[in-house]
């Protein structure tokens, strides 16, 4: 039968094994240092392996393939669970991509929320408001219910995100200076919610972000771009890199730059 099934590009595969771990059906294995689709009938075509691939080696294709065998997969999973209950004499550790757990790319599923309205586009304003803070003594009480994180993917560092990660498809992209989330108190609700978030610091990171950002915008269906920077002069680098990337990509995409003061105020919107 003709159906959708995963395809693995061996030239791009680095053999990290993250896709094999993500495939609960056991359709993928590491053979001779490369990921392989071991059995067509174990692949359900849902692509849980795609978001974790750090090199973009996995994609979908439609071809002649055996039908997905749910009963065989269940039997295989039960067999695997039984094996996992057996004590291991020697712990087996799978090497992580790049040796760093922070490079393990994956999407994060959150409950659906209504999209926040886009901030108006155009030139950032220069008017600022200063927040007058007063100290208050409060009684110590039971902690309130923690607010939910709105982060939709990992990693978030610009230099770590894979250019062709599936979560970029149709994304509203947030490019943020890493200090901005600490300065603005409601950053998750105001900016991260319903966005794919990537962060960086142009002062501390070496190199220019514009080429990486251009590749992300050029190779994916990005719906909009929001840049959040701090008011300090060195933070202009992240906005300039994003604007350069947008221009060089040749795409007409709605964009905006929001500036946060060191007091935690939005200086323009």
Protein backbone atom coordinates (compact mmCIF):
# COMPACT_ATOMS: atom_id res chain seq x y z
CA UNK A 1 0.00 0.00 0.00
CA UNK A 2 1.06 3.63 -0.54
CA UNK A 3 1.33 5.50 2.75
CA UNK A 4 3.29 8.17 4.62
CA UNK A 5 6.41 6.85 6.32
CA UNK A 6 9.65 8.28 7.66
CA UNK A 7 12.80 8.62 5.59
CA UNK A 8 16.30 8.88 7.10
CA UNK A 9 19.11 10.69 5.29
CA UNK A 10 22.25 8.77 6.26
CA UNK A 11 24.50 11.60 5.10
CA UNK A 12 22.94 13.92 7.68
CA UNK A 13 22.57 11.33 10.45
CA UNK A 14 25.22 11.55 13.19
CA UNK A 15 24.19 8.34 14.94
CA UNK A 16 23.17 10.04 18.20
CA UNK A 17 20.32 7.57 18.71
CA UNK A 18 17.77 10.12 19.91
CA UNK A 19 15.30 9.07 17.22
CA UNK A 20 15.54 5.42 18.28
CA UNK A 21 14.77 6.42 21.86
CA UNK A 22 11.80 8.55 20.72
CA UNK A 23 10.31 5.76 18.58
CA UNK A 24 8.16 3.83 21.05
CA UNK A 25 7.25 1.31 18.37
CA UNK A 26 10.85 0.17 17.90
CA UNK A 27 10.86 0.92 14.17
CA UNK A 28 14.25 2.67 14.31
CA UNK A 29 17.61 1.25 15.33
CA UNK A 30 21.27 2.24 15.10
CA UNK A 31 23.15 0.11 12.57
CA UNK A 32 26.83 0.73 11.83
CA UNK A 33 26.63 4.13 13.51
CA UNK A 34 23.60 5.32 11.51
CA UNK A 35 19.86 5.39 12.22
CA UNK A 36 17.90 2.86 10.18
CA UNK A 37 14.20 2.19 9.65
CA UNK A 38 14.23 -1.46 10.68
CA UNK A 39 10.64 -2.39 9.80
CA UNK A 40 8.05 -0.53 7.77
CA UNK A 41 5.17 -2.20 9.61
CA UNK A 42 6.43 -0.80 12.94
CA UNK A 43 6.34 2.81 11.71
CA UNK A 44 2.98 4.49 12.43
CA UNK A 45 3.85 7.54 10.29
CA UNK A 46 3.20 10.03 13.11
CA UNK A 47 6.80 11.17 13.27
CA UNK A 48 7.61 11.33 17.00
CA UNK A 49 11.22 10.93 15.92
CA UNK A 50 11.30 14.11 13.80
CA UNK A 51 11.50 16.78 16.53
CA UNK A 52 14.37 15.10 18.39
CA UNK A 53 16.71 14.81 15.40
CA UNK A 54 19.41 17.48 15.88
CA UNK A 55 20.60 17.37 12.27
CA UNK A 56 17.28 17.32 10.36
CA UNK A 57 18.06 13.88 8.91
CA UNK A 58 14.47 12.60 9.24
CA UNK A 59 11.60 13.55 6.95
CA UNK A 60 8.37 12.06 5.59
CA UNK A 61 7.83 10.40 2.24
CA UNK A 62 4.95 8.58 0.57
CA UNK A 63 5.89 5.21 -0.88
CA UNK A 64 4.93 1.57 -1.09
CA UNK A 65 5.19 0.19 2.44
CA UNK A 66 3.72 -2.54 4.60
CA UNK A 67 0.69 -1.47 6.64
CA UNK A 68 1.27 -0.45 10.23
CA UNK A 69 0.91 -3.59 12.38
CA UNK A 70 -0.41 -2.40 15.71
CA UNK A 71 -0.65 -5.89 17.21
CA UNK A 72 2.97 -6.70 16.35
CA UNK A 73 4.08 -3.39 17.86
CA UNK A 74 2.18 -4.09 21.08
CA UNK A 75 3.81 -7.50 21.35
CA UNK A 76 7.24 -5.96 20.74
CA UNK A 77 6.66 -3.28 23.38
CA UNK A 78 5.53 -5.85 25.95
CA UNK A 79 8.64 -7.89 25.22
CA UNK A 80 10.81 -4.80 25.65
CA UNK A 81 9.13 -3.90 28.94
CA UNK A 82 9.77 -7.41 30.23
CA UNK A 83 13.43 -7.12 29.28
CA UNK A 84 13.75 -3.77 31.02
CA UNK A 85 12.59 -5.34 34.28
CA UNK A 86 15.58 -7.68 34.25
CA UNK A 87 18.57 -6.41 36.28
CA UNK A 88 21.47 -5.24 34.14
CA UNK A 89 24.98 -6.25 35.12
CA UNK A 90 26.57 -3.36 33.22
CA UNK A 91 24.69 -0.09 32.77
CA UNK A 92 24.51 0.95 29.13
CA UNK A 93 24.88 4.65 28.40
CA UNK A 94 24.00 6.04 25.01
CA UNK A 95 26.19 8.96 23.94
CA UNK A 96 24.28 12.21 23.66
CA UNK A 97 24.45 14.39 20.56
CA UNK A 98 27.52 16.58 20.88
CA UNK A 99 28.03 15.20 24.39
CA UNK A 100 25.62 17.82 25.76
CA UNK A 101 22.05 17.10 26.99
CA UNK A 102 21.15 20.69 26.10
CA UNK A 103 21.38 19.84 22.40
CA UNK A 104 18.58 17.27 22.58
CA UNK A 105 16.04 18.99 20.30
CA UNK A 106 12.36 18.28 20.87
CA UNK A 107 8.97 19.92 20.73
CA UNK A 108 7.02 20.52 23.94
CA UNK A 109 3.27 19.90 23.86
CA UNK A 110 1.20 22.44 25.79
CA UNK A 111 -2.60 22.71 26.20
CA UNK A 112 -4.05 24.83 23.44
CA UNK A 113 -4.54 28.48 24.32
CA UNK A 114 -6.09 31.30 22.36
CA UNK A 115 -3.42 33.08 20.30
CA UNK A 116 -2.30 36.37 21.74
CA UNK A 117 -2.81 39.29 19.34
CA UNK A 118 0.28 40.30 17.39
CA UNK A 119 1.98 43.43 18.52
CA UNK A 120 1.61 46.27 15.99
CA UNK A 121 4.37 46.36 13.40
CA UNK A 122 6.46 49.36 12.56
CA UNK A 123 9.20 51.49 14.00
CA UNK A 124 9.79 51.15 17.77
CA UNK A 125 8.79 54.20 19.75
CA UNK A 126 11.07 56.04 22.13
CA UNK A 127 8.62 56.92 24.92
CA UNK A 128 9.29 55.17 28.22
CA UNK A 129 7.34 54.83 31.45
CA UNK A 130 9.02 54.45 34.77
CA UNK A 131 7.43 52.05 37.22
CA UNK A 132 7.27 53.35 40.77
CA UNK A 133 7.73 50.43 43.12
CA UNK A 134 6.91 50.53 46.81
CA UNK A 135 8.02 48.02 49.39
CA UNK A 136 5.33 46.19 51.28
CA UNK A 137 5.57 43.76 54.13
CA UNK A 138 3.52 40.69 53.45
CA UNK A 139 2.78 37.68 55.57
CA UNK A 140 4.32 34.41 54.50
CA UNK A 141 1.58 32.16 53.19
CA UNK A 142 1.23 28.96 51.21
CA UNK A 143 2.67 29.32 47.72
CA UNK A 144 0.18 30.18 44.99
CA UNK A 145 -0.33 27.79 42.11
CA UNK A 146 2.69 28.02 39.85
CA UNK A 147 2.08 29.57 36.44
CA UNK A 148 2.52 27.20 33.55
CA UNK A 149 5.54 27.50 31.29
CA UNK A 150 4.63 28.53 27.74
CA UNK A 151 7.85 27.24 26.15
CA UNK A 152 6.98 25.13 23.10
CA UNK A 153 10.34 23.58 22.16
CA UNK A 154 13.91 22.79 23.20
CA UNK A 155 16.67 23.90 22.81
CA UNK A 156 16.22 27.68 22.82
CA UNK A 157 19.73 28.98 22.21
CA UNK A 158 20.08 30.33 18.65
CA UNK A 159 23.33 28.46 18.14
CA UNK A 160 21.83 25.13 19.25
CA UNK A 161 18.48 25.00 17.44
CA UNK A 162 18.44 22.84 14.27
CA UNK A 163 17.68 24.97 11.20
CA UNK A 164 15.12 22.50 9.83
CA UNK A 165 13.42 21.54 13.10
CA UNK A 166 9.76 20.59 12.42
CA UNK A 167 8.48 23.01 15.05
CA UNK A 168 9.55 25.95 12.84
CA UNK A 169 6.87 25.05 10.26
CA UNK A 170 4.10 27.63 10.54
CA UNK A 171 5.74 29.17 13.61
CA UNK A 172 5.33 32.62 15.05
CA UNK A 173 9.00 33.16 15.83
CA UNK A 174 10.21 34.98 18.94
CA UNK A 175 13.86 36.08 18.88
CA UNK A 176 14.76 37.34 22.35
CA UNK A 177 17.78 38.74 24.12
CA UNK A 178 18.37 36.33 26.98
CA UNK A 179 18.23 39.06 29.66
CA UNK A 180 14.75 40.17 28.59
CA UNK A 181 12.97 37.25 30.23
CA UNK A 182 14.53 38.17 33.57
CA UNK A 183 13.71 41.86 33.23
CA UNK A 184 10.05 41.54 32.19
CA UNK A 185 7.96 39.80 34.83
CA UNK A 186 5.22 38.31 32.63
CA UNK A 187 7.48 37.25 29.78
CA UNK A 188 5.94 33.79 29.26
CA UNK A 189 2.37 35.05 28.95
CA UNK A 190 3.21 38.24 27.04
CA UNK A 191 5.78 36.92 24.56
CA UNK A 192 6.55 33.17 24.69
CA UNK A 193 2.93 31.95 24.58
CA UNK A 194 2.07 30.53 21.13
CA UNK A 195 5.56 31.29 19.81
CA UNK A 196 8.66 29.26 19.02
CA UNK A 197 11.33 30.94 21.12
CA UNK A 198 15.05 31.34 20.40
CA UNK A 199 17.41 33.43 22.50
CA UNK A 200 20.91 34.83 22.43
CA UNK A 201 23.26 37.55 23.68
CA UNK A 202 25.12 39.46 20.95
CA UNK A 203 27.63 40.81 23.50
CA UNK A 204 28.66 37.47 24.98
CA UNK A 205 28.22 35.11 22.01
CA UNK A 206 30.89 35.08 19.34
CA UNK A 207 29.92 35.48 15.70
CA UNK A 208 26.91 36.96 13.95
CA UNK A 209 23.40 35.51 14.31
CA UNK A 210 22.15 36.79 10.96
CA UNK A 211 23.25 33.80 8.86
CA UNK A 212 21.63 31.26 11.20
CA UNK A 213 18.45 33.32 11.47
CA UNK A 214 18.33 33.78 7.68
CA UNK A 215 18.58 30.00 7.21
CA UNK A 216 15.73 29.42 9.67
CA UNK A 217 13.50 31.99 7.97
CA UNK A 218 14.41 30.95 4.43
CA UNK A 219 13.96 27.20 4.95
CA UNK A 220 10.76 27.26 7.00
CA UNK A 221 7.24 28.65 6.77
CA UNK A 222 7.63 31.36 9.41
CA UNK A 223 4.38 33.31 9.96
CA UNK A 224 5.76 36.29 11.89
CA UNK A 225 8.87 37.46 13.72
CA UNK A 226 8.95 39.28 17.05
CA UNK A 227 12.27 40.52 18.41
CA UNK A 228 12.51 41.37 22.11
CA UNK A 229 15.65 43.26 23.15
CA UNK A 230 16.85 45.21 26.15
CA UNK A 231 17.30 48.98 26.03
CA UNK A 232 21.10 48.73 26.50
CA UNK A 233 23.07 49.60 23.32
CA UNK A 234 24.85 46.25 22.98
CA UNK A 235 21.45 44.54 22.68
CA UNK A 236 20.83 46.25 19.34
CA UNK A 237 22.91 43.47 17.78
CA UNK A 238 20.16 40.87 18.10
CA UNK A 239 17.60 43.19 16.47
CA UNK A 240 20.01 44.11 13.67
CA UNK A 241 20.78 40.43 13.02
CA UNK A 242 17.07 39.57 12.79
CA UNK A 243 16.32 42.48 10.45
CA UNK A 244 19.30 41.57 8.24
CA UNK A 245 18.14 37.96 8.15
CA UNK A 246 14.62 39.00 7.13
CA UNK A 247 15.94 41.19 4.32
CA UNK A 248 18.35 38.55 3.01
CA UNK A 249 15.73 35.80 3.12
CA UNK A 250 13.74 37.54 0.41
CA UNK A 251 10.48 36.87 2.26
CA UNK A 252 7.81 39.39 3.22
CA UNK A 253 7.02 38.46 6.82
CA UNK A 254 5.35 40.66 9.46
CA UNK A 255 7.92 41.68 12.06
CA UNK A 256 8.35 43.93 15.06
CA UNK A 257 10.96 44.89 17.63
CA UNK A 258 9.99 45.37 21.29
CA UNK A 259 12.38 47.05 23.71
CA UNK A 260 12.40 46.28 27.43
CA UNK A 261 13.88 48.73 29.95
CA UNK A 262 16.23 47.59 32.69
CA UNK A 263 13.38 48.43 35.10
CA UNK A 264 11.21 45.84 33.39
CA UNK A 265 8.99 48.15 31.36
CA UNK A 266 7.99 47.83 27.70
CA UNK A 267 9.35 50.98 26.10
CA UNK A 268 7.49 50.61 22.80
CA UNK A 269 4.56 48.60 21.49
